[in-house]
Amino acid sequence: MNHFVCNSIYIEHTPSVDVDAGEGVVQEDLVGFARKDISADNLGELQIKGRIKLAKTGGSSGETHAVGQYCYWDDTSDIVTTTKGSNKFLGIIAKAAASTATEVEVELLPGGLAS
């Protein structure tokens, strides 16, 4: 028999290394962001749903982000990008950002929905 557990925007996570608050964590096709600092081998929480403001490339080489555009997490550079490539699906752009902006608001949609 199935039982409803909860409708949460967070999942539990026990990292093998220290994770700083706000840091992105990739688990298979799921990307989450630490609510608080999580010490190695200690239980913490990752935000996997909801709206979050994240870093993006800014300046003359920055990307322009439009509302509703799919976006991805570049785990190597720790930034949001609109380039799929080997990056993990993150969600959709929730607030437009100019190429010169260094942050963008994203509505997180868990688990590779646009793969």
C-alpha atoms as a PDB file:
ATOM      1  CA  MET A   1       0.000   0.000   0.000  1.00  0.00           C
ATOM      2  CA  ASN A   2       1.293   3.504  -0.831  1.00  0.00           C
ATOM      3  CA  HIS A   3       1.195   6.305   1.720  1.00  0.00           C
ATOM      4  CA  PHE A   4       1.670  10.007   1.174  1.00  0.00           C
ATOM      5  CA  VAL A   5       4.794  11.147   3.023  1.00  0.00           C
ATOM      6  CA  CYS A   6       5.011  14.879   2.393  1.00  0.00           C
ATOM      7  CA  ASN A   7       4.992  17.614  -0.207  1.00  0.00           C
ATOM      8  CA  SER A   8       8.402  19.034   0.474  1.00  0.00           C
ATOM      9  CA  ILE A   9      10.766  21.317  -1.381  1.00  0.00           C
ATOM     10  CA  TYR A  10      13.705  19.718   0.431  1.00  0.00           C
ATOM     11  CA  ILE A  11      15.304  16.290   0.488  1.00  0.00           C
ATOM     12  CA  GLU A  12      17.669  14.878   3.075  1.00  0.00           C
ATOM     13  CA  HIS A  13      21.326  14.486   2.119  1.00  0.00           C
ATOM     14  CA  THR A  14      24.401  13.139   3.889  1.00  0.00           C
ATOM     15  CA  PRO A  15      27.493  14.301   1.982  1.00  0.00           C
ATOM     16  CA  SER A  16      30.867  12.593   2.084  1.00  0.00           C
ATOM     17  CA  VAL A  17      32.567  16.029   2.090  1.00  0.00           C
ATOM     18  CA  ASP A  18      31.622  19.382   3.640  1.00  0.00           C
ATOM     19  CA  VAL A  19      28.964  21.314   1.683  1.00  0.00           C
ATOM     20  CA  ASP A  20      28.576  25.092   2.098  1.00  0.00           C
ATOM     21  CA  ALA A  21      25.175  26.772   2.377  1.00  0.00           C
ATOM     22  CA  GLY A  22      23.847  27.513  -1.114  1.00  0.00           C
ATOM     23  CA  GLU A  23      26.230  25.073  -2.796  1.00  0.00           C
ATOM     24  CA  GLY A  24      24.850  22.950  -5.625  1.00  0.00           C
ATOM     25  CA  VAL A  25      24.909  19.179  -5.206  1.00  0.00           C
ATOM     26  CA  VAL A  26      24.333  16.813  -8.133  1.00  0.00           C
ATOM     27  CA  GLN A  27      22.963  13.333  -7.447  1.00  0.00           C
ATOM     28  CA  GLU A  28      22.425  11.442 -10.721  1.00  0.00           C
ATOM     29  CA  ASP A  29      19.896  13.689 -12.570  1.00  0.00           C
ATOM     30  CA  LEU A  30      18.847  15.656  -9.483  1.00  0.00           C
ATOM     31  CA  VAL A  31      20.362  19.018  -8.530  1.00  0.00           C
ATOM     32  CA  GLY A  32      19.771  20.461  -5.067  1.00  0.00           C
ATOM     33  CA  PHE A  33      21.147  23.379  -3.065  1.00  0.00           C
ATOM     34  CA  ALA A  34      22.219  23.189   0.576  1.00  0.00           C
ATOM     35  CA  ARG A  35      19.960  25.147   2.951  1.00  0.00           C
ATOM     36  CA  LYS A  36      22.760  25.459   5.503  1.00  0.00           C
ATOM     37  CA  ASP A  37      26.337  24.282   5.801  1.00  0.00           C
ATOM     38  CA  ILE A  38      26.439  20.475   5.983  1.00  0.00           C
ATOM     39  CA  SER A  39      29.464  18.803   7.541  1.00  0.00           C
ATOM     40  CA  ALA A  40      30.777  15.611   5.965  1.00  0.00           C
ATOM     41  CA  ASP A  41      28.889  12.496   7.084  1.00  0.00           C
ATOM     42  CA  ASN A  42      26.115  14.585   8.714  1.00  0.00           C
ATOM     43  CA  LEU A  43      22.486  14.782   7.639  1.00  0.00           C
ATOM     44  CA  GLY A  44      21.358  18.036   6.013  1.00  0.00           C
ATOM     45  CA  GLU A  45      18.796  19.282   3.504  1.00  0.00           C
ATOM     46  CA  LEU A  46      18.922  20.245  -0.146  1.00  0.00           C
ATOM     47  CA  GLN A  47      16.338  22.499  -1.807  1.00  0.00           C
ATOM     48  CA  ILE A  48      15.062  20.785  -4.965  1.00  0.00           C
ATOM     49  CA  LYS A  49      11.876  22.774  -5.698  1.00  0.00           C
ATOM     50  CA  GLY A  50      10.823  26.399  -5.513  1.00  0.00           C
ATOM     51  CA  ARG A  51      12.403  29.644  -6.669  1.00  0.00           C
ATOM     52  CA  ILE A  52      16.080  30.325  -6.027  1.00  0.00           C
ATOM     53  CA  LYS A  53      18.575  32.983  -7.110  1.00  0.00           C
ATOM     54  CA  LEU A  54      21.762  31.488  -8.555  1.00  0.00           C
ATOM     55  CA  ALA A  55      25.004  32.647 -10.141  1.00  0.00           C
ATOM     56  CA  LYS A  56      25.348  32.968 -13.914  1.00  0.00           C
ATOM     57  CA  THR A  57      28.042  34.242 -16.258  1.00  0.00           C
ATOM     58  CA  GLY A  58      27.856  38.026 -16.421  1.00  0.00           C
ATOM     59  CA  GLY A  59      29.725  40.758 -18.219  1.00  0.00           C
ATOM     60  CA  SER A  60      30.461  40.903 -21.934  1.00  0.00           C
ATOM     61  CA  SER A  61      30.489  37.084 -22.260  1.00  0.00           C
ATOM     62  CA  GLY A  62      27.313  36.487 -20.225  1.00  0.00           C
ATOM     63  CA  GLU A  63      24.159  34.755 -21.409  1.00  0.00           C
ATOM     64  CA  THR A  64      20.790  36.495 -21.658  1.00  0.00           C
ATOM     65  CA  HIS A  65      18.038  34.550 -19.869  1.00  0.00           C
ATOM     66  CA  ALA A  66      14.364  34.853 -20.827  1.00  0.00           C
ATOM     67  CA  VAL A  67      11.381  33.904 -18.650  1.00  0.00           C
ATOM     68  CA  GLY A  68      10.247  30.339 -19.332  1.00  0.00           C
ATOM     69  CA  GLN A  69      13.536  29.213 -20.871  1.00  0.00           C
ATOM     70  CA  TYR A  70      14.880  25.812 -19.795  1.00  0.00           C
ATOM     71  CA  CYS A  71      18.082  26.104 -17.794  1.00  0.00           C
ATOM     72  CA  TYR A  72      20.789  23.740 -16.648  1.00  0.00           C
ATOM     73  CA  TRP A  73      23.367  23.479 -13.860  1.00  0.00           C
ATOM     74  CA  ASP A  74      27.019  23.632 -14.890  1.00  0.00           C
ATOM     75  CA  ASP A  75      28.521  21.743 -11.955  1.00  0.00           C
ATOM     76  CA  THR A  76      32.077  22.452 -13.095  1.00  0.00           C
ATOM     77  CA  SER A  77      31.624  26.244 -13.004  1.00  0.00           C
ATOM     78  CA  ASP A  78      28.786  26.332 -10.413  1.00  0.00           C
ATOM     79  CA  ILE A  79      26.545  28.477 -12.627  1.00  0.00           C
ATOM     80  CA  VAL A  80      23.190  28.415 -14.404  1.00  0.00           C
ATOM     81  CA  THR A  81      23.361  28.076 -18.177  1.00  0.00           C
ATOM     82  CA  THR A  82      20.932  27.627 -21.057  1.00  0.00           C
ATOM     83  CA  THR A  83      23.344  25.179 -22.690  1.00  0.00           C
ATOM     84  CA  LYS A  84      22.198  21.591 -22.208  1.00  0.00           C
ATOM     85  CA  GLY A  85      25.335  19.675 -23.238  1.00  0.00           C
ATOM     86  CA  SER A  86      26.543  17.570 -20.308  1.00  0.00           C
ATOM     87  CA  ASN A  87      24.896  19.934 -17.790  1.00  0.00           C
ATOM     88  CA  LYS A  88      22.006  18.773 -15.582  1.00  0.00           C
ATOM     89  CA  PHE A  89      18.454  20.053 -16.071  1.00  0.00           C
ATOM     90  CA  LEU A  90      17.644  22.562 -13.350  1.00  0.00           C
ATOM     91  CA  GLY A  91      14.297  24.179 -14.160  1.00  0.00           C
ATOM     92  CA  ILE A  92      12.995  27.264 -15.927  1.00  0.00           C
ATOM     93  CA  ILE A  93      14.058  30.877 -15.803  1.00  0.00           C
ATOM     94  CA  ALA A  94      11.590  32.680 -13.502  1.00  0.00           C
ATOM     95  CA  LYS A  95      12.828  36.256 -13.995  1.00  0.00           C
ATOM     96  CA  ALA A  96      14.611  37.602 -17.073  1.00  0.00           C
ATOM     97  CA  ALA A  97      18.296  38.441 -16.694  1.00  0.00           C
ATOM     98  CA  ALA A  98      20.454  40.548 -18.997  1.00  0.00           C
ATOM     99  CA  SER A  99      23.783  39.250 -20.268  1.00  0.00           C
ATOM    100  CA  THR A 100      25.593  41.565 -17.838  1.00  0.00           C
ATOM    101  CA  ALA A 101      23.727  40.216 -14.762  1.00  0.00           C
ATOM    102  CA  THR A 102      25.658  37.886 -12.466  1.00  0.00           C
ATOM    103  CA  GLU A 103      22.572  36.157 -10.974  1.00  0.00           C
ATOM    104  CA  VAL A 104      19.296  34.771 -12.279  1.00  0.00           C
ATOM    105  CA  GLU A 105      16.093  33.539 -10.614  1.00  0.00           C
ATOM    106  CA  VAL A 106      15.216  29.927 -11.378  1.00  0.00           C
ATOM    107  CA  GLU A 107      12.107  27.877 -10.628  1.00  0.00           C
ATOM    108  CA  LEU A 108      13.600  24.503  -9.701  1.00  0.00           C
ATOM    109  CA  LEU A 109      11.974  21.471 -11.318  1.00  0.00           C
ATOM    110  CA  PRO A 110      13.516  18.253 -10.000  1.00  0.00           C
ATOM    111  CA  GLY A 111      14.860  15.279 -11.810  1.00  0.00           C
ATOM    112  CA  GLY A 112      15.652  15.867 -15.462  1.00  0.00           C
ATOM    113  CA  LEU A 113      12.153  16.705 -16.674  1.00  0.00           C
ATOM    114  CA  ALA A 114      13.559  18.188 -19.890  1.00  0.00           C
ATOM    115  CA  SER A 115      16.071  15.455 -20.639  1.00  0.00           C
END
